[in-house]
Amino acid sequence: MTLDTLASRASHTLEVKHSRFTAFAVAIDTADAAIAFLDEVADPTATHNCWAYRIGDQYRSSDDGEVSGTAGRPILTAIDGQGFDRVMVVVTRWYGGTKLGAGGLVRAYGGCAAECLRTAPRVPLVAMTQCRLAVAFNDIGVVHSTLAAFGANKLDEQFEEDGARMVVELPADRLPALRAQLRDATRDRLRFLDNA
């Protein structure tokens, strides 16, 4: 299963028995970025600011004072159920005077988060890899054009007496084909150095 992340921030509001729930979602790369987003969107006047995030195998969630397991875990389940990774969702609740019960809370928090993510713009996550190349001066032109054809980004290029050293980044699944193409294009003069 290919996972996605958010292309841009998203939000969704839901009202359940006079309580208002608003989900805020954003793409993240680190736990620190998740907590910074929480600090940014959490409303101190709200009853609860519950949240969850997933970054690969790393995840956390918080019920922020709601009945244990009724908010953070359903938000995390929504992230996983919608096929997202590297995402943080905060669902803020303003209490409307009617208790929802544990089942109602699970449905409200999970449903608000799921609908926010379902309608959000998404982009596929692509595993990237880096490699270092040693290129002779005569082959630099053909290497540059081959890298462009494979969607590889040149992160660094240092010139030395015998040619250039490059660090490139590209989708991991394209690396074997790039290796073969560069070896053919340079008549096996290009050297792949240890992974950067």
Protein backbone atom coordinates (compact mmCIF):
# COMPACT_ATOMS: atom_id res chain seq x y z
CA MET A 1 0.00 0.00 0.00
CA THR A 2 1.37 3.39 -1.00
CA LEU A 3 1.07 5.99 1.73
CA ASP A 4 0.36 9.66 1.18
CA THR A 5 1.01 12.85 3.05
CA LEU A 6 -0.80 16.16 2.88
CA ALA A 7 -0.12 18.51 -0.01
CA SER A 8 -1.29 21.43 2.13
CA ARG A 9 -2.95 22.14 5.45
CA ALA A 10 -6.54 21.04 5.86
CA SER A 11 -9.40 21.56 8.30
CA HIS A 12 -12.93 20.31 8.85
CA THR A 13 -15.66 21.29 11.31
CA LEU A 14 -18.39 19.03 12.67
CA GLU A 15 -21.18 19.71 15.15
CA VAL A 16 -22.49 16.91 17.35
CA LYS A 17 -25.21 17.64 19.94
CA HIS A 18 -24.18 21.31 20.20
CA SER A 19 -20.48 20.46 20.68
CA ARG A 20 -18.28 21.80 17.89
CA PHE A 21 -15.29 19.76 16.70
CA THR A 22 -12.71 21.24 14.34
CA ALA A 23 -9.89 19.13 12.90
CA PHE A 24 -6.65 20.74 11.73
CA ALA A 25 -4.16 18.62 9.75
CA VAL A 26 -0.67 19.27 8.43
CA ALA A 27 2.24 17.34 6.91
CA ILE A 28 5.20 16.93 9.29
CA ASP A 29 8.65 15.35 9.23
CA THR A 30 9.55 15.36 12.93
CA ALA A 31 7.94 15.02 16.34
CA ASP A 32 9.11 18.56 17.11
CA ALA A 33 7.20 19.83 14.06
CA ALA A 34 4.09 18.02 15.32
CA ILE A 35 4.29 19.67 18.75
CA ALA A 36 4.96 23.06 17.15
CA PHE A 37 1.79 22.64 15.06
CA LEU A 38 -0.16 21.72 18.21
CA ASP A 39 1.13 24.88 19.92
CA GLU A 40 0.08 26.91 16.86
CA VAL A 41 -3.50 25.65 16.45
CA ALA A 42 -4.55 24.63 19.98
CA ASP A 43 -7.25 26.97 21.27
CA PRO A 44 -6.80 27.74 24.98
CA THR A 45 -10.50 28.69 25.22
CA ALA A 46 -11.61 25.27 23.91
CA THR A 47 -12.63 22.41 26.18
CA HIS A 48 -10.12 19.94 24.66
CA ASN A 49 -7.33 19.97 22.05
CA CYS A 50 -6.83 16.27 21.26
CA TRP A 51 -4.27 15.11 18.75
CA ALA A 52 -2.29 12.34 17.08
CA TYR A 53 0.56 12.05 14.63
CA ARG A 54 2.32 9.34 12.66
CA ILE A 55 5.81 9.49 11.17
CA GLY A 56 6.60 6.00 9.89
CA ASP A 57 6.78 3.70 12.92
CA GLN A 58 6.76 6.67 15.30
CA TYR A 59 3.38 7.82 16.61
CA ARG A 60 1.82 9.56 19.58
CA SER A 61 -1.64 10.66 20.61
CA SER A 62 -3.33 12.57 23.42
CA ASP A 63 -6.88 12.60 24.79
CA ASP A 64 -6.23 15.98 26.48
CA GLY A 65 -8.59 15.27 29.36
CA GLU A 66 -11.28 13.37 27.46
CA VAL A 67 -12.16 9.84 28.61
CA SER A 68 -9.08 7.69 28.02
CA GLY A 69 -8.98 6.20 24.52
CA THR A 70 -11.89 8.25 23.14
CA ALA A 71 -10.01 10.98 21.26
CA GLY A 72 -6.30 10.53 20.51
CA ARG A 73 -6.52 6.87 19.49
CA PRO A 74 -9.51 7.45 17.13
CA ILE A 75 -7.63 10.35 15.51
CA LEU A 76 -4.60 8.08 14.97
CA THR A 77 -6.90 5.39 13.57
CA ALA A 78 -8.27 7.98 11.11
CA ILE A 79 -4.72 8.84 9.97
CA ASP A 80 -3.92 5.17 9.40
CA GLY A 81 -7.32 4.37 7.89
CA GLN A 82 -7.00 7.13 5.30
CA GLY A 83 -3.54 5.86 4.27
CA PHE A 84 -1.50 8.80 5.55
CA ASP A 85 2.00 9.08 6.98
CA ARG A 86 4.00 12.08 8.20
CA VAL A 87 0.78 13.75 9.32
CA MET A 88 -0.36 15.53 12.48
CA VAL A 89 -4.06 16.05 13.26
CA VAL A 90 -5.41 18.20 16.10
CA VAL A 91 -9.15 18.02 16.85
CA THR A 92 -10.38 20.86 19.04
CA ARG A 93 -13.68 20.50 20.91
CA TRP A 94 -15.87 23.25 22.30
CA TYR A 95 -18.32 21.58 24.71
CA GLY A 96 -21.96 22.25 23.90
CA GLY A 97 -23.61 21.14 27.13
CA THR A 98 -24.63 17.58 26.21
CA LYS A 99 -22.45 14.61 27.15
CA LEU A 100 -21.74 12.31 24.22
CA GLY A 101 -20.62 9.19 26.08
CA ALA A 102 -17.51 7.19 25.19
CA GLY A 103 -18.92 5.86 21.90
CA GLY A 104 -20.10 9.30 20.85
CA LEU A 105 -16.69 10.80 21.57
CA VAL A 106 -14.91 8.09 19.57
CA ARG A 107 -17.25 8.68 16.60
CA ALA A 108 -16.97 12.48 16.83
CA TYR A 109 -13.17 12.72 17.15
CA GLY A 110 -12.43 9.90 14.72
CA GLY A 111 -15.10 11.01 12.26
CA CYS A 112 -14.01 14.65 12.24
CA ALA A 113 -10.35 13.66 11.70
CA ALA A 114 -11.24 11.11 9.01
CA GLU A 115 -13.41 13.57 7.06
CA CYS A 116 -10.71 16.24 7.28
CA LEU A 117 -8.16 13.82 5.80
CA ARG A 118 -10.58 12.33 3.27
CA THR A 119 -11.18 15.73 1.65
CA ALA A 120 -7.60 17.01 2.02
CA PRO A 121 -5.24 17.36 -0.95
CA ARG A 122 -2.74 14.49 -0.87
CA VAL A 123 0.60 13.66 -2.41
CA PRO A 124 2.24 10.23 -2.49
CA LEU A 125 5.22 9.69 -0.25
CA VAL A 126 8.21 8.57 -2.27
CA ALA A 127 11.18 6.94 -0.59
CA MET A 128 14.26 8.91 -1.61
CA THR A 129 17.88 7.81 -1.63
CA GLN A 130 21.20 9.56 -2.11
CA CYS A 131 24.34 8.39 -3.88
CA ARG A 132 27.75 9.85 -4.66
CA LEU A 133 29.26 9.79 -8.13
CA ALA A 134 32.78 10.28 -9.46
CA VAL A 135 32.53 11.65 -13.00
CA ALA A 136 35.28 12.36 -15.53
CA PHE A 137 35.23 15.81 -17.17
CA ASN A 138 34.35 14.31 -20.57
CA ASP A 139 31.22 12.66 -19.11
CA ILE A 140 29.76 15.57 -17.10
CA GLY A 141 27.34 16.64 -19.86
CA VAL A 142 25.88 13.19 -20.42
CA VAL A 143 25.65 12.60 -16.65
CA HIS A 144 23.75 15.86 -16.10
CA SER A 145 21.23 15.03 -18.85
CA THR A 146 20.78 11.46 -17.57
CA LEU A 147 20.22 12.70 -14.01
CA ALA A 148 17.55 15.10 -15.27
CA ALA A 149 15.82 12.31 -17.22
CA PHE A 150 15.59 10.23 -14.02
CA GLY A 151 14.28 13.09 -11.88
CA ALA A 152 17.46 13.13 -9.78
CA ASN A 153 18.37 16.28 -7.87
CA LYS A 154 22.00 17.28 -7.67
CA LEU A 155 22.65 18.19 -4.03
CA ASP A 156 26.36 18.89 -4.32
CA GLU A 157 29.05 19.07 -7.00
CA GLN A 158 32.76 19.47 -6.30
CA PHE A 159 35.36 19.76 -9.06
CA GLU A 160 38.72 18.05 -8.69
CA GLU A 161 41.74 17.46 -10.92
CA ASP A 162 40.28 14.41 -12.67
CA GLY A 163 36.61 15.41 -12.82
CA ALA A 164 33.71 16.04 -10.48
CA ARG A 165 32.25 14.44 -7.37
CA MET A 166 28.46 14.71 -7.13
CA VAL A 167 25.88 13.88 -4.52
CA VAL A 168 22.48 13.20 -6.05
CA GLU A 169 19.08 12.34 -4.64
CA LEU A 170 16.31 10.48 -6.44
CA PRO A 171 13.39 8.12 -5.79
CA ALA A 172 14.88 4.90 -4.42
CA ASP A 173 13.07 2.69 -6.92
CA ARG A 174 14.82 4.51 -9.82
CA LEU A 175 18.38 3.98 -8.56
CA PRO A 176 19.05 0.57 -10.21
CA ALA A 177 17.95 1.86 -13.63
CA LEU A 178 19.98 5.07 -13.17
CA ARG A 179 23.09 3.03 -12.32
CA ALA A 180 22.71 0.95 -15.48
CA GLN A 181 22.01 3.97 -17.69
CA LEU A 182 24.98 5.96 -16.37
CA ARG A 183 27.35 3.02 -16.75
CA ASP A 184 26.22 2.54 -20.36
CA ALA A 185 26.29 6.27 -21.19
CA THR A 186 29.83 6.72 -19.83
CA ARG A 187 31.15 3.36 -21.10
CA ASP A 188 31.60 2.30 -17.47
CA ARG A 189 33.91 5.23 -16.65
CA LEU A 190 31.55 6.66 -13.99
CA ARG A 191 32.08 5.37 -10.47
CA PHE A 192 29.42 5.07 -7.79
CA LEU A 193 31.00 5.84 -4.45
CA ASP A 194 29.62 4.75 -1.08
CA ASN A 195 26.09 5.99 -0.33
CA ALA A 196 26.09 9.60 0.86
